[in-house]
PDB file of N, CA and C in Angstrom:
ATOM      1  N   MET A   1       0.856  -1.313   0.012  1.00  0.00           N
ATOM      2  CA  MET A   1       0.083  -0.014   0.062  1.00  0.00           C
ATOM      3  C   MET A   1       0.878   1.284   0.083  1.00  0.00           C
ATOM      4  N   ARG A   2       0.652   2.062  -0.922  1.00  0.00           N
ATOM      5  CA  ARG A   2       1.371   3.374  -0.963  1.00  0.00           C
ATOM      6  C   ARG A   2       0.739   4.380  -0.071  1.00  0.00           C
ATOM      7  N   LEU A   3       1.497   4.894   0.761  1.00  0.00           N
ATOM      8  CA  LEU A   3       0.908   6.079   1.718  1.00  0.00           C
ATOM      9  C   LEU A   3       1.370   7.363   1.234  1.00  0.00           C
ATOM     10  N   THR A   4       0.512   8.369   1.354  1.00  0.00           N
ATOM     11  CA  THR A   4       0.724   9.788   0.948  1.00  0.00           C
ATOM     12  C   THR A   4       0.623  10.594   2.336  1.00  0.00           C
ATOM     13  N   GLU A   5       1.732  11.338   2.641  1.00  0.00           N
ATOM     14  CA  GLU A   5       1.628  12.164   3.816  1.00  0.00           C
ATOM     15  C   GLU A   5       0.640  13.262   3.660  1.00  0.00           C
ATOM     16  N   THR A   6      -0.180  13.488   4.669  1.00  0.00           N
ATOM     17  CA  THR A   6      -1.249  14.493   4.623  1.00  0.00           C
ATOM     18  C   THR A   6      -1.112  15.416   5.858  1.00  0.00           C
ATOM     19  N   THR A   7       0.010  15.524   6.472  1.00  0.00           N
ATOM     20  CA  THR A   7       0.328  16.309   7.638  1.00  0.00           C
ATOM     21  C   THR A   7       0.047  17.731   7.330  1.00  0.00           C
ATOM     22  N   GLU A   8      -0.767  18.456   8.136  1.00  0.00           N
ATOM     23  CA  GLU A   8      -0.979  19.808   7.798  1.00  0.00           C
ATOM     24  C   GLU A   8       0.247  20.692   8.238  1.00  0.00           C
ATOM     25  N   ARG A   9       0.385  21.807   7.676  1.00  0.00           N
ATOM     26  CA  ARG A   9       1.580  22.753   7.979  1.00  0.00           C
ATOM     27  C   ARG A   9       1.379  23.083   9.465  1.00  0.00           C
ATOM     28  N   PHE A  10       2.562  23.217  10.132  1.00  0.00           N
ATOM     29  CA  PHE A  10       2.600  23.608  11.492  1.00  0.00           C
ATOM     30  C   PHE A  10       2.022  22.594  12.615  1.00  0.00           C
ATOM     31  N   SER A  11       1.688  21.333  11.954  1.00  0.00           N
ATOM     32  CA  SER A  11       0.896  20.379  12.951  1.00  0.00           C
ATOM     33  C   SER A  11       1.989  19.752  13.821  1.00  0.00           C
ATOM     34  N   ASP A  12       1.653  19.270  15.010  1.00  0.00           N
ATOM     35  CA  ASP A  12       2.613  18.678  15.890  1.00  0.00           C
ATOM     36  C   ASP A  12       2.569  17.127  15.493  1.00  0.00           C
ATOM     37  N   SER A  13       1.566  16.606  14.946  1.00  0.00           N
ATOM     38  CA  SER A  13       1.478  15.208  14.616  1.00  0.00           C
ATOM     39  C   SER A  13       1.553  14.882  13.154  1.00  0.00           C
ATOM     40  N   GLN A  14       1.805  13.614  12.849  1.00  0.00           N
ATOM     41  CA  GLN A  14       1.889  13.304  11.369  1.00  0.00           C
ATOM     42  C   GLN A  14       0.576  12.418  11.086  1.00  0.00           C
ATOM     43  N   SER A  15       0.336  12.596   9.739  1.00  0.00           N
ATOM     44  CA  SER A  15      -0.780  11.897   9.163  1.00  0.00           C
ATOM     45  C   SER A  15      -0.575  11.336   7.725  1.00  0.00           C
ATOM     46  N   PHE A  16      -1.094  10.171   7.452  1.00  0.00           N
ATOM     47  CA  PHE A  16      -0.902   9.517   6.157  1.00  0.00           C
ATOM     48  C   PHE A  16      -2.090   9.036   5.739  1.00  0.00           C
ATOM     49  N   ARG A  17      -2.274   8.990   4.370  1.00  0.00           N
ATOM     50  CA  ARG A  17      -3.525   8.350   3.753  1.00  0.00           C
ATOM     51  C   ARG A  17      -3.130   7.422   2.656  1.00  0.00           C
ATOM     52  N   GLY A  18      -3.922   6.247   2.648  1.00  0.00           N
ATOM     53  CA  GLY A  18      -3.658   5.313   1.708  1.00  0.00           C
ATOM     54  C   GLY A  18      -4.910   4.433   1.335  1.00  0.00           C
ATOM     55  N   LYS A  19      -4.857   3.627   0.295  1.00  0.00           N
ATOM     56  CA  LYS A  19      -6.167   2.830   0.026  1.00  0.00           C
ATOM     57  C   LYS A  19      -5.676   1.408  -0.285  1.00  0.00           C
ATOM     58  N   LYS A  20      -6.575   0.453   0.197  1.00  0.00           N
ATOM     59  CA  LYS A  20      -6.215  -0.849  -0.154  1.00  0.00           C
ATOM     60  C   LYS A  20      -7.458  -1.710   0.077  1.00  0.00           C
ATOM     61  N   ASN A  21      -7.718  -2.783  -0.754  1.00  0.00           N
ATOM     62  CA  ASN A  21      -8.876  -3.704  -0.682  1.00  0.00           C
ATOM     63  C   ASN A  21     -10.297  -2.942  -0.495  1.00  0.00           C
ATOM     64  N   GLY A  22     -10.352  -1.775  -1.190  1.00  0.00           N
ATOM     65  CA  GLY A  22     -11.704  -1.010  -1.225  1.00  0.00           C
ATOM     66  C   GLY A  22     -11.876  -0.258   0.048  1.00  0.00           C
ATOM     67  N   ILE A  23     -10.859  -0.028   0.736  1.00  0.00           N
ATOM     68  CA  ILE A  23     -10.972   0.693   2.122  1.00  0.00           C
ATOM     69  C   ILE A  23      -9.940   1.927   2.041  1.00  0.00           C
ATOM     70  N   ARG A  24     -10.339   2.981   2.402  1.00  0.00           N
ATOM     71  CA  ARG A  24      -9.591   4.251   2.442  1.00  0.00           C
ATOM     72  C   ARG A  24      -9.035   4.385   3.938  1.00  0.00           C
ATOM     73  N   PHE A  25      -7.821   4.551   4.105  1.00  0.00           N
ATOM     74  CA  PHE A  25      -7.270   4.616   5.457  1.00  0.00           C
ATOM     75  C   PHE A  25      -6.644   6.033   5.795  1.00  0.00           C
ATOM     76  N   ASP A  26      -6.815   6.401   6.907  1.00  0.00           N
ATOM     77  CA  ASP A  26      -6.105   7.675   7.536  1.00  0.00           C
ATOM     78  C   ASP A  26      -5.272   7.069   8.696  1.00  0.00           C
ATOM     79  N   ILE A  27      -4.049   7.279   8.674  1.00  0.00           N
ATOM     80  CA  ILE A  27      -3.135   6.832   9.732  1.00  0.00           C
ATOM     81  C   ILE A  27      -2.564   7.990  10.443  1.00  0.00           C
ATOM     82  N   SER A  28      -2.674   8.033  11.663  1.00  0.00           N
ATOM     83  CA  SER A  28      -2.271   9.386  12.368  1.00  0.00           C
ATOM     84  C   SER A  28      -1.551   8.997  13.574  1.00  0.00           C
ATOM     85  N   LEU A  29      -0.645   9.855  13.930  1.00  0.00           N
ATOM     86  CA  LEU A  29       0.139   9.685  15.189  1.00  0.00           C
ATOM     87  C   LEU A  29      -0.703  10.343  16.325  1.00  0.00           C
ATOM     88  N   TRP A  30      -0.977   9.575  17.282  1.00  0.00           N
ATOM     89  CA  TRP A  30      -1.832   9.995  18.411  1.00  0.00           C
ATOM     90  C   TRP A  30      -0.965  10.303  19.444  1.00  0.00           C
ATOM     91  N   GLU A  31      -0.821  11.489  19.865  1.00  0.00           N
ATOM     92  CA  GLU A  31      -0.021  11.908  20.974  1.00  0.00           C
ATOM     93  C   GLU A  31      -0.566  12.122  22.384  1.00  0.00           C
ATOM     94  N   TYR A  32      -1.669  11.507  22.732  1.00  0.00           N
ATOM     95  CA  TYR A  32      -2.314  11.674  23.985  1.00  0.00           C
ATOM     96  C   TYR A  32      -1.742  10.547  24.821  1.00  0.00           C
ATOM     97  N   GLY A  33      -0.891  10.987  25.804  1.00  0.00           N
ATOM     98  CA  GLY A  33      -0.099   9.948  26.537  1.00  0.00           C
ATOM     99  C   GLY A  33       1.011   9.541  25.868  1.00  0.00           C
ATOM    100  N   ASN A  34       1.155   8.186  25.351  1.00  0.00           N
ATOM    101  CA  ASN A  34       2.308   7.695  24.668  1.00  0.00           C
ATOM    102  C   ASN A  34       2.071   8.145  23.158  1.00  0.00           C
ATOM    103  N   LYS A  35       3.128   8.215  22.394  1.00  0.00           N
ATOM    104  CA  LYS A  35       3.063   8.529  20.952  1.00  0.00           C
ATOM    105  C   LYS A  35       2.822   7.301  20.298  1.00  0.00           C
ATOM    106  N   GLU A  36       1.526   7.005  19.883  1.00  0.00           N
ATOM    107  CA  GLU A  36       1.260   5.814  19.089  1.00  0.00           C
ATOM    108  C   GLU A  36       0.497   6.140  17.918  1.00  0.00           C
ATOM    109  N   TRP A  37       0.421   5.076  16.991  1.00  0.00           N
ATOM    110  CA  TRP A  37      -0.316   5.343  15.711  1.00  0.00           C
ATOM    111  C   TRP A  37      -1.716   4.773  15.777  1.00  0.00           C
ATOM    112  N   CYS A  38      -2.692   5.452  15.248  1.00  0.00           N
ATOM    113  CA  CYS A  38      -4.019   4.844  15.139  1.00  0.00           C
ATOM    114  C   CYS A  38      -4.472   4.884  13.754  1.00  0.00           C
ATOM    115  N   VAL A  39      -5.476   4.110  13.456  1.00  0.00           N
ATOM    116  CA  VAL A  39      -5.940   4.053  12.061  1.00  0.00           C
ATOM    117  C   VAL A  39      -7.494   4.271  11.982  1.00  0.00           C
ATOM    118  N   CYS A  40      -7.866   5.123  11.023  1.00  0.00           N
ATOM    119  CA  CYS A  40      -9.383   5.213  10.753  1.00  0.00           C
ATOM    120  C   CYS A  40      -9.547   4.795   9.396  1.00  0.00           C
ATOM    121  N   GLY A  41     -10.376   3.810   9.167  1.00  0.00           N
ATOM    122  CA  GLY A  41     -10.691   3.222   7.853  1.00  0.00           C
ATOM    123  C   GLY A  41     -12.221   3.345   7.411  1.00  0.00           C
ATOM    124  N   GLU A  42     -12.393   3.703   6.250  1.00  0.00           N
ATOM    125  CA  GLU A  42     -13.801   3.731   5.761  1.00  0.00           C
ATOM    126  C   GLU A  42     -13.962   3.106   4.324  1.00  0.00           C
ATOM    127  N   LEU A  43     -15.073   2.516   4.143  1.00  0.00           N
ATOM    128  CA  LEU A  43     -15.320   1.809   2.725  1.00  0.00           C
ATOM    129  C   LEU A  43     -15.353   2.906   1.697  1.00  0.00           C
ATOM    130  N   VAL A  44     -14.719   2.674   0.527  1.00  0.00           N
ATOM    131  CA  VAL A  44     -14.697   3.721  -0.612  1.00  0.00           C
ATOM    132  C   VAL A  44     -16.062   3.837  -1.140  1.00  0.00           C
ATOM    133  N   LYS A  45     -16.815   2.808  -1.110  1.00  0.00           N
ATOM    134  CA  LYS A  45     -18.138   2.913  -1.755  1.00  0.00           C
ATOM    135  C   LYS A  45     -19.223   3.405  -0.824  1.00  0.00           C
ATOM    136  N   ASP A  46     -19.030   3.332   0.491  1.00  0.00           N
ATOM    137  CA  ASP A  46     -19.973   3.796   1.479  1.00  0.00           C
ATOM    138  C   ASP A  46     -19.297   4.424   2.714  1.00  0.00           C
ATOM    139  N   GLU A  47     -19.228   5.709   2.609  1.00  0.00           N
ATOM    140  CA  GLU A  47     -18.341   6.521   3.576  1.00  0.00           C
ATOM    141  C   GLU A  47     -19.158   6.454   4.943  1.00  0.00           C
ATOM    142  N   ASP A  48     -20.316   5.951   5.110  1.00  0.00           N
ATOM    143  CA  ASP A  48     -21.065   5.770   6.371  1.00  0.00           C
ATOM    144  C   ASP A  48     -20.519   4.665   7.154  1.00  0.00           C
ATOM    145  N   ILE A  49     -19.785   3.724   6.417  1.00  0.00           N
ATOM    146  CA  ILE A  49     -19.162   2.464   7.155  1.00  0.00           C
ATOM    147  C   ILE A  49     -17.742   2.891   7.404  1.00  0.00           C
ATOM    148  N   CYS A  50     -17.405   3.106   8.716  1.00  0.00           N
ATOM    149  CA  CYS A  50     -16.014   3.507   9.066  1.00  0.00           C
ATOM    150  C   CYS A  50     -15.714   2.847  10.371  1.00  0.00           C
ATOM    151  N   TYR A  51     -14.484   2.754  10.659  1.00  0.00           N
ATOM    152  CA  TYR A  51     -14.029   2.148  12.011  1.00  0.00           C
ATOM    153  C   TYR A  51     -12.686   2.873  12.465  1.00  0.00           C
ATOM    154  N   ASN A  52     -12.591   3.157  13.739  1.00  0.00           N
ATOM    155  CA  ASN A  52     -11.417   3.734  14.265  1.00  0.00           C
ATOM    156  C   ASN A  52     -10.792   2.724  15.189  1.00  0.00           C
ATOM    157  N   THR A  53      -9.506   2.443  15.143  1.00  0.00           N
ATOM    158  CA  THR A  53      -8.828   1.644  16.059  1.00  0.00           C
ATOM    159  C   THR A  53      -8.904   2.121  17.473  1.00  0.00           C
ATOM    160  N   LEU A  54      -8.976   3.378  17.763  1.00  0.00           N
ATOM    161  CA  LEU A  54      -9.048   3.794  19.132  1.00  0.00           C
ATOM    162  C   LEU A  54     -10.342   3.519  19.816  1.00  0.00           C
ATOM    163  N   TRP A  55     -11.407   3.157  18.959  1.00  0.00           N
ATOM    164  CA  TRP A  55     -12.607   2.599  19.631  1.00  0.00           C
ATOM    165  C   TRP A  55     -12.544   1.369  20.495  1.00  0.00           C
ATOM    166  N   ASP A  56     -11.619   0.537  20.114  1.00  0.00           N
ATOM    167  CA  ASP A  56     -11.195  -0.616  20.854  1.00  0.00           C
ATOM    168  C   ASP A  56      -9.908  -0.604  21.512  1.00  0.00           C
ATOM    169  N   GLY A  57      -9.320   0.586  21.749  1.00  0.00           N
ATOM    170  CA  GLY A  57      -8.147   0.680  22.371  1.00  0.00           C
ATOM    171  C   GLY A  57      -7.002   0.101  21.632  1.00  0.00           C
ATOM    172  N   LEU A  58      -7.069   0.048  20.317  1.00  0.00           N
ATOM    173  CA  LEU A  58      -5.929  -0.717  19.429  1.00  0.00           C
ATOM    174  C   LEU A  58      -5.056   0.465  18.896  1.00  0.00           C
ATOM    175  N   SER A  59      -3.869   0.438  19.186  1.00  0.00           N
ATOM    176  CA  SER A  59      -2.917   1.439  18.546  1.00  0.00           C
ATOM    177  C   SER A  59      -1.500   0.612  18.200  1.00  0.00           C
ATOM    178  N   PHE A  60      -0.722   1.403  17.453  1.00  0.00           N
ATOM    179  CA  PHE A  60       0.528   0.757  17.096  1.00  0.00           C
ATOM    180  C   PHE A  60       1.670   1.499  17.395  1.00  0.00           C
ATOM    181  N   LYS A  61       2.828   0.845  17.547  1.00  0.00           N
ATOM    182  CA  LYS A  61       4.100   1.545  18.132  1.00  0.00           C
ATOM    183  C   LYS A  61       4.723   2.211  16.816  1.00  0.00           C
ATOM    184  N   THR A  62       4.645   1.596  15.671  1.00  0.00           N
ATOM    185  CA  THR A  62       5.191   2.238  14.510  1.00  0.00           C
ATOM    186  C   THR A  62       4.247   2.444  13.372  1.00  0.00           C
ATOM    187  N   LEU A  63       4.629   3.233  12.514  1.00  0.00           N
ATOM    188  CA  LEU A  63       3.822   3.558  11.238  1.00  0.00           C
ATOM    189  C   LEU A  63       3.865   2.121  10.372  1.00  0.00           C
ATOM    190  N   GLU A  64       4.871   1.506  10.403  1.00  0.00           N
ATOM    191  CA  GLU A  64       4.915   0.218   9.571  1.00  0.00           C
ATOM    192  C   GLU A  64       3.981  -0.849  10.108  1.00  0.00           C
ATOM    193  N   GLU A  65       3.752  -0.960  11.467  1.00  0.00           N
ATOM    194  CA  GLU A  65       2.895  -1.733  12.078  1.00  0.00           C
ATOM    195  C   GLU A  65       1.506  -1.456  11.696  1.00  0.00           C
ATOM    196  N   ALA A  66       1.103  -0.187  11.669  1.00  0.00           N
ATOM    197  CA  ALA A  66      -0.239   0.300  11.246  1.00  0.00           C
ATOM    198  C   ALA A  66      -0.453   0.019   9.756  1.00  0.00           C
ATOM    199  N   ALA A  67       0.513   0.286   9.077  1.00  0.00           N
ATOM    200  CA  ALA A  67       0.288   0.032   7.517  1.00  0.00           C
ATOM    201  C   ALA A  67       0.105  -1.422   7.223  1.00  0.00           C
ATOM    202  N   LYS A  68       0.814  -2.298   7.938  1.00  0.00           N
ATOM    203  CA  LYS A  68       0.666  -3.800   7.769  1.00  0.00           C
ATOM    204  C   LYS A  68      -0.717  -4.161   8.249  1.00  0.00           C
ATOM    205  N   TRP A  69      -1.241  -3.682   9.265  1.00  0.00           N
ATOM    206  CA  TRP A  69      -2.632  -3.964   9.696  1.00  0.00           C
ATOM    207  C   TRP A  69      -3.575  -3.634   8.653  1.00  0.00           C
ATOM    208  N   CYS A  70      -3.450  -2.443   8.156  1.00  0.00           N
ATOM    209  CA  CYS A  70      -4.384  -1.873   7.088  1.00  0.00           C
ATOM    210  C   CYS A  70      -4.269  -2.821   5.887  1.00  0.00           C
ATOM    211  N   GLU A  71      -3.083  -3.250   5.546  1.00  0.00           N
ATOM    212  CA  GLU A  71      -2.984  -4.172   4.319  1.00  0.00           C
ATOM    213  C   GLU A  71      -3.656  -5.484   4.485  1.00  0.00           C
ATOM    214  N   ASN A  72      -3.687  -5.993   5.600  1.00  0.00           N
ATOM    215  CA  ASN A  72      -4.379  -7.258   5.978  1.00  0.00           C
ATOM    216  C   ASN A  72      -5.895  -7.039   6.263  1.00  0.00           C
ATOM    217  N   LEU A  73      -6.439  -5.893   6.340  1.00  0.00           N
ATOM    218  CA  LEU A  73      -7.843  -5.677   6.625  1.00  0.00           C
ATOM    219  C   LEU A  73      -8.644  -5.848   5.305  1.00  0.00           C
ATOM    220  N   LYS A  74      -9.686  -6.642   5.425  1.00  0.00           N
ATOM    221  CA  LYS A  74     -10.727  -6.772   4.316  1.00  0.00           C
ATOM    222  C   LYS A  74     -11.933  -6.110   4.657  1.00  0.00           C
ATOM    223  N   GLN A  75     -12.776  -5.732   3.703  1.00  0.00           N
ATOM    224  CA  GLN A  75     -14.105  -4.993   3.863  1.00  0.00           C
ATOM    225  C   GLN A  75     -14.863  -5.623   4.929  1.00  0.00           C
ATOM    226  N   ASP A  76     -15.106  -7.013   4.759  1.00  0.00           N
ATOM    227  CA  ASP A  76     -15.982  -7.610   5.719  1.00  0.00           C
ATOM    228  C   ASP A  76     -15.488  -7.602   7.091  1.00  0.00           C
ATOM    229  N   LYS A  77     -14.158  -7.646   7.204  1.00  0.00           N
ATOM    230  CA  LYS A  77     -13.686  -7.492   8.573  1.00  0.00           C
ATOM    231  C   LYS A  77     -13.904  -6.181   9.213  1.00  0.00           C
ATOM    232  N   LEU A  78     -13.702  -5.060   8.418  1.00  0.00           N
ATOM    233  CA  LEU A  78     -13.888  -3.804   8.812  1.00  0.00           C
ATOM    234  C   LEU A  78     -15.408  -3.538   9.278  1.00  0.00           C
ATOM    235  N   ILE A  79     -16.387  -4.104   8.580  1.00  0.00           N
ATOM    236  CA  ILE A  79     -17.713  -4.125   8.887  1.00  0.00           C
ATOM    237  C   ILE A  79     -18.027  -4.753  10.183  1.00  0.00           C
ATOM    238  N   GLU A  80     -17.410  -5.941  10.313  1.00  0.00           N
ATOM    239  CA  GLU A  80     -17.571  -6.751  11.535  1.00  0.00           C
ATOM    240  C   GLU A  80     -16.990  -6.098  12.747  1.00  0.00           C
ATOM    241  N   LEU A  81     -15.904  -5.314  12.597  1.00  0.00           N
ATOM    242  CA  LEU A  81     -15.277  -4.588  13.751  1.00  0.00           C
ATOM    243  C   LEU A  81     -16.210  -3.332  14.224  1.00  0.00           C
ATOM    244  N   ARG A  82     -16.791  -2.742  13.089  1.00  0.00           N
ATOM    245  CA  ARG A  82     -17.645  -1.650  13.363  1.00  0.00           C
ATOM    246  C   ARG A  82     -18.908  -2.000  14.009  1.00  0.00           C
ATOM    247  N   GLU A  83     -19.424  -3.140  13.547  1.00  0.00           N
ATOM    248  CA  GLU A  83     -20.776  -3.611  14.216  1.00  0.00           C
ATOM    249  C   GLU A  83     -20.606  -4.137  15.675  1.00  0.00           C
ATOM    250  N   ASN A  84     -19.442  -4.870  15.873  1.00  0.00           N
ATOM    251  CA  ASN A  84     -19.168  -5.270  17.337  1.00  0.00           C
ATOM    252  C   ASN A  84     -18.973  -4.007  18.220  1.00  0.00           C
ATOM    253  N   TYR A  85     -18.239  -2.966  17.729  1.00  0.00           N
ATOM    254  CA  TYR A  85     -18.140  -1.819  18.567  1.00  0.00           C
ATOM    255  C   TYR A  85     -19.499  -1.196  18.905  1.00  0.00           C
ATOM    256  N   PHE A  86     -20.413  -1.165  17.908  1.00  0.00           N
ATOM    257  CA  PHE A  86     -21.673  -0.541  18.245  1.00  0.00           C
ATOM    258  C   PHE A  86     -22.631  -1.488  18.989  1.00  0.00           C
ATOM    259  N   LYS A  87     -22.392  -2.756  18.935  1.00  0.00           N
ATOM    260  CA  LYS A  87     -23.101  -3.648  19.783  1.00  0.00           C
ATOM    261  C   LYS A  87     -22.808  -3.574  21.273  1.00  0.00           C
ATOM    262  N   LYS A  88     -21.496  -3.156  21.561  1.00  0.00           N
ATOM    263  CA  LYS A  88     -20.997  -2.984  22.891  1.00  0.00           C
ATOM    264  C   LYS A  88     -21.469  -1.701  23.516  1.00  0.00           C
ATOM    265  N   GLN A  89     -21.905  -0.757  22.633  1.00  0.00           N
ATOM    266  CA  GLN A  89     -22.420   0.570  23.166  1.00  0.00           C
ATOM    267  C   GLN A  89     -23.788   0.490  23.575  1.00  0.00           C
ATOM    268  N   ARG A  90     -24.565  -0.463  23.206  1.00  0.00           N
ATOM    269  CA  ARG A  90     -25.980  -0.537  23.447  1.00  0.00           C
ATOM    270  C   ARG A  90     -26.155  -1.025  25.057  1.00  0.00           C
TER     271      ARG A  90
END
């Protein structure tokens, strides 16, 4: 997966964007507490279907770990993760 840096000017954190398996990913450096990477993924065909790894407390120590997780994620797994998160919220 090719990542494009999308960090805004004068920003303290880094952000990257990529696309794989019909999912658009935003990978950001989360600096609350420890500096760790989090991922937000949304389906290309349906932007209402999205998932953020922070919802389940999942973060990554390196950008490479986050990118590898993204490359292995399939659309049906993203939908399953999202549905499981919202089931827990009820």
